[in-house]
Amino acid sequence: MAIFQESAGTRAGYSNLKKGDIGVEVETLQKSLNLFFGGYLDIDGQFGSRTEEAVNNFQSACKITADGIVGQETWLCLDQIKYHIGKSHPTQRGGDRGDYVKYLQVWLNGYYSSQLAVDGYFGSQTESLTKEFQQHRSMKADGIVGEQTWSQLEQPNYDV
């Protein structure tokens, strides 16, 4: 089951990609992964070991099967990152639900390699990890995701 449903910012007609594939679609994949991982991959159109490692880590952050194969669920999660990144986001806090919370949870999982569920519910675990992130970034650790927290979340600086 996909964590994000097809909506604004997503597209149909995905090709499955895996290690050994080459071409323009692999370049698109690498560019999308670099939005999340901060320029880790060379954009060479070759699905090699580094791309596979990035795909596995991205899939883990999205809480989808980390098999290194880019299918529908992986494309949908990548499309959500591309759609939302750099845009204005509503403030999120404990008790909130929806795709913005899922988006938040994916970013937090990426930073902390956590086991945080990507369920769209801003519960105690999401709040705790948000506070940890805010504290690490020298922000007020209140667990509320406002403009400053969103901006810092979308500035990846962690290792793949």
Protein backbone atom coordinates (compact mmCIF):
# COMPACT_ATOMS: atom_id res chain seq x y z
CA MET A 1 0.00 0.00 0.00
CA ALA A 2 1.42 3.37 -1.03
CA ILE A 3 2.04 5.86 1.75
CA PHE A 4 0.98 8.68 -0.57
CA GLN A 5 -1.95 8.49 -2.93
CA GLU A 6 -1.64 9.83 -6.46
CA SER A 7 -2.51 13.50 -6.26
CA ALA A 8 -1.13 16.87 -7.23
CA GLY A 9 2.55 16.48 -7.88
CA THR A 10 2.44 12.81 -8.83
CA ARG A 11 2.28 11.16 -12.21
CA ALA A 12 1.14 7.87 -13.65
CA GLY A 13 3.10 5.69 -16.06
CA TYR A 14 6.11 4.87 -13.94
CA SER A 15 8.82 2.52 -15.16
CA ASN A 16 10.38 0.12 -12.70
CA LEU A 17 14.11 0.77 -12.44
CA LYS A 18 16.82 -1.39 -10.92
CA LYS A 19 20.58 -1.78 -10.75
CA GLY A 20 22.04 -2.09 -14.24
CA ASP A 21 19.44 0.13 -15.92
CA ILE A 22 20.65 3.14 -17.90
CA GLY A 23 19.03 6.14 -19.52
CA VAL A 24 17.06 9.33 -19.05
CA GLU A 25 14.68 7.81 -16.48
CA VAL A 26 17.67 6.88 -14.30
CA GLU A 27 18.89 10.50 -14.59
CA THR A 28 15.42 11.67 -13.45
CA LEU A 29 15.63 9.25 -10.52
CA GLN A 30 19.12 10.49 -9.56
CA LYS A 31 18.01 14.14 -9.69
CA SER A 32 15.00 13.34 -7.50
CA LEU A 33 17.11 11.44 -4.96
CA ASN A 34 19.54 14.36 -4.82
CA LEU A 35 16.71 16.62 -3.62
CA PHE A 36 16.48 14.39 -0.58
CA PHE A 37 20.15 13.51 -0.11
CA GLY A 38 21.69 16.86 -0.97
CA GLY A 39 23.65 16.11 -4.14
CA TYR A 40 25.05 12.71 -3.18
CA LEU A 41 24.69 11.15 -6.62
CA ASP A 42 26.35 11.93 -9.92
CA ILE A 43 23.72 12.44 -12.61
CA ASP A 44 25.11 9.95 -15.10
CA GLY A 45 22.05 7.90 -16.08
CA GLN A 46 23.60 4.68 -14.77
CA PHE A 47 21.83 2.78 -12.00
CA GLY A 48 24.92 1.55 -10.17
CA SER A 49 25.77 0.68 -6.58
CA ARG A 50 25.58 4.29 -5.26
CA THR A 51 22.16 4.81 -6.82
CA GLU A 52 20.97 1.48 -5.43
CA GLU A 53 22.22 2.43 -1.96
CA ALA A 54 20.44 5.80 -2.17
CA VAL A 55 17.22 4.10 -3.34
CA ASN A 56 17.36 1.61 -0.45
CA ASN A 57 17.89 4.40 2.09
CA PHE A 58 15.14 6.52 0.57
CA GLN A 59 12.74 3.56 0.62
CA SER A 60 13.59 2.98 4.28
CA ALA A 61 12.85 6.64 5.06
CA CYS A 62 9.49 6.28 3.29
CA LYS A 63 8.77 3.04 5.15
CA ILE A 64 8.31 1.04 1.97
CA THR A 65 10.06 -2.19 1.07
CA ALA A 66 13.77 -1.38 0.74
CA ASP A 67 14.59 -3.64 -2.19
CA GLY A 68 16.54 -1.19 -4.36
CA ILE A 69 13.93 -1.49 -7.11
CA VAL A 70 12.18 1.74 -8.01
CA GLY A 71 8.50 0.97 -8.50
CA GLN A 72 5.21 2.81 -8.07
CA GLU A 73 5.52 3.43 -4.30
CA THR A 74 9.05 4.78 -4.59
CA TRP A 75 8.10 7.08 -7.47
CA LEU A 76 5.09 8.38 -5.51
CA CYS A 77 7.23 9.17 -2.47
CA LEU A 78 9.86 10.87 -4.67
CA ASP A 79 7.14 12.88 -6.39
CA GLN A 80 5.83 14.08 -3.03
CA ILE A 81 9.31 15.30 -2.09
CA LYS A 82 9.64 17.10 -5.44
CA TYR A 83 6.15 18.57 -5.16
CA HIS A 84 6.51 19.88 -1.59
CA ILE A 85 10.16 20.88 -1.30
CA GLY A 86 10.79 24.58 -1.02
CA LYS A 87 7.11 25.48 -0.87
CA SER A 88 5.24 27.01 2.02
CA HIS A 89 3.86 24.37 4.39
CA PRO A 90 1.20 24.69 7.05
CA THR A 91 2.29 24.50 10.67
CA GLN A 92 2.07 20.94 12.00
CA ARG A 93 1.77 19.88 15.63
CA GLY A 94 0.67 17.03 17.85
CA GLY A 95 -2.68 15.57 16.78
CA ASP A 96 -2.48 16.73 13.15
CA ARG A 97 -3.07 14.24 10.35
CA GLY A 98 -2.47 14.12 6.61
CA ASP A 99 0.09 14.18 3.82
CA TYR A 100 2.07 17.06 5.33
CA VAL A 101 2.64 14.91 8.41
CA LYS A 102 3.72 12.01 6.18
CA TYR A 103 6.11 14.36 4.40
CA LEU A 104 7.51 15.44 7.78
CA GLN A 105 7.88 11.81 8.89
CA VAL A 106 9.82 10.89 5.73
CA TRP A 107 12.29 13.74 6.33
CA LEU A 108 12.71 12.83 10.00
CA ASN A 109 13.32 9.20 9.06
CA GLY A 110 15.93 10.37 6.57
CA TYR A 111 17.79 12.36 9.18
CA TYR A 112 17.64 9.81 11.95
CA SER A 113 17.29 6.45 10.19
CA SER A 114 14.44 6.01 12.61
CA GLN A 115 11.64 3.52 12.78
CA LEU A 116 9.05 6.30 12.75
CA ALA A 117 5.87 5.13 11.03
CA VAL A 118 4.91 7.16 7.96
CA ASP A 119 1.23 7.05 8.84
CA GLY A 120 0.25 10.72 8.60
CA TYR A 121 -0.48 11.03 12.32
CA PHE A 122 1.53 13.53 14.38
CA GLY A 123 1.69 11.45 17.54
CA SER A 124 4.12 11.35 20.44
CA GLN A 125 6.93 9.68 18.46
CA THR A 126 6.76 12.27 15.69
CA GLU A 127 6.68 15.05 18.27
CA SER A 128 9.65 13.61 20.16
CA LEU A 129 11.75 13.26 17.01
CA THR A 130 10.73 16.77 15.90
CA LYS A 131 11.94 18.17 19.23
CA GLU A 132 15.22 16.26 18.88
CA PHE A 133 15.70 17.69 15.38
CA GLN A 134 14.89 21.22 16.56
CA GLN A 135 17.30 20.94 19.47
CA HIS A 136 20.05 19.61 17.20
CA ARG A 137 19.51 22.62 14.90
CA SER A 138 19.56 25.10 17.84
CA MET A 139 15.90 26.00 17.44
CA LYS A 140 13.22 26.24 20.09
CA ALA A 141 12.45 22.56 20.75
CA ASP A 142 8.69 22.84 21.06
CA GLY A 143 7.69 20.00 18.71
CA ILE A 144 5.73 22.40 16.49
CA VAL A 145 6.77 22.36 12.83
CA GLY A 146 6.55 25.91 11.56
CA GLU A 147 8.33 27.80 8.81
CA GLN A 148 11.79 27.63 10.41
CA THR A 149 11.60 23.90 11.11
CA TRP A 150 10.30 23.14 7.61
CA SER A 151 13.17 25.16 6.13
CA GLN A 152 15.76 23.30 8.19
CA LEU A 153 14.22 19.89 7.41
CA GLU A 154 14.53 20.55 3.69
CA GLN A 155 18.27 21.25 4.00
CA PRO A 156 19.67 17.71 3.98
CA ASN A 157 23.11 17.30 5.46
CA TYR A 158 23.27 13.65 6.39
CA ASP A 159 25.03 10.71 4.85
CA VAL A 160 23.32 8.22 2.60
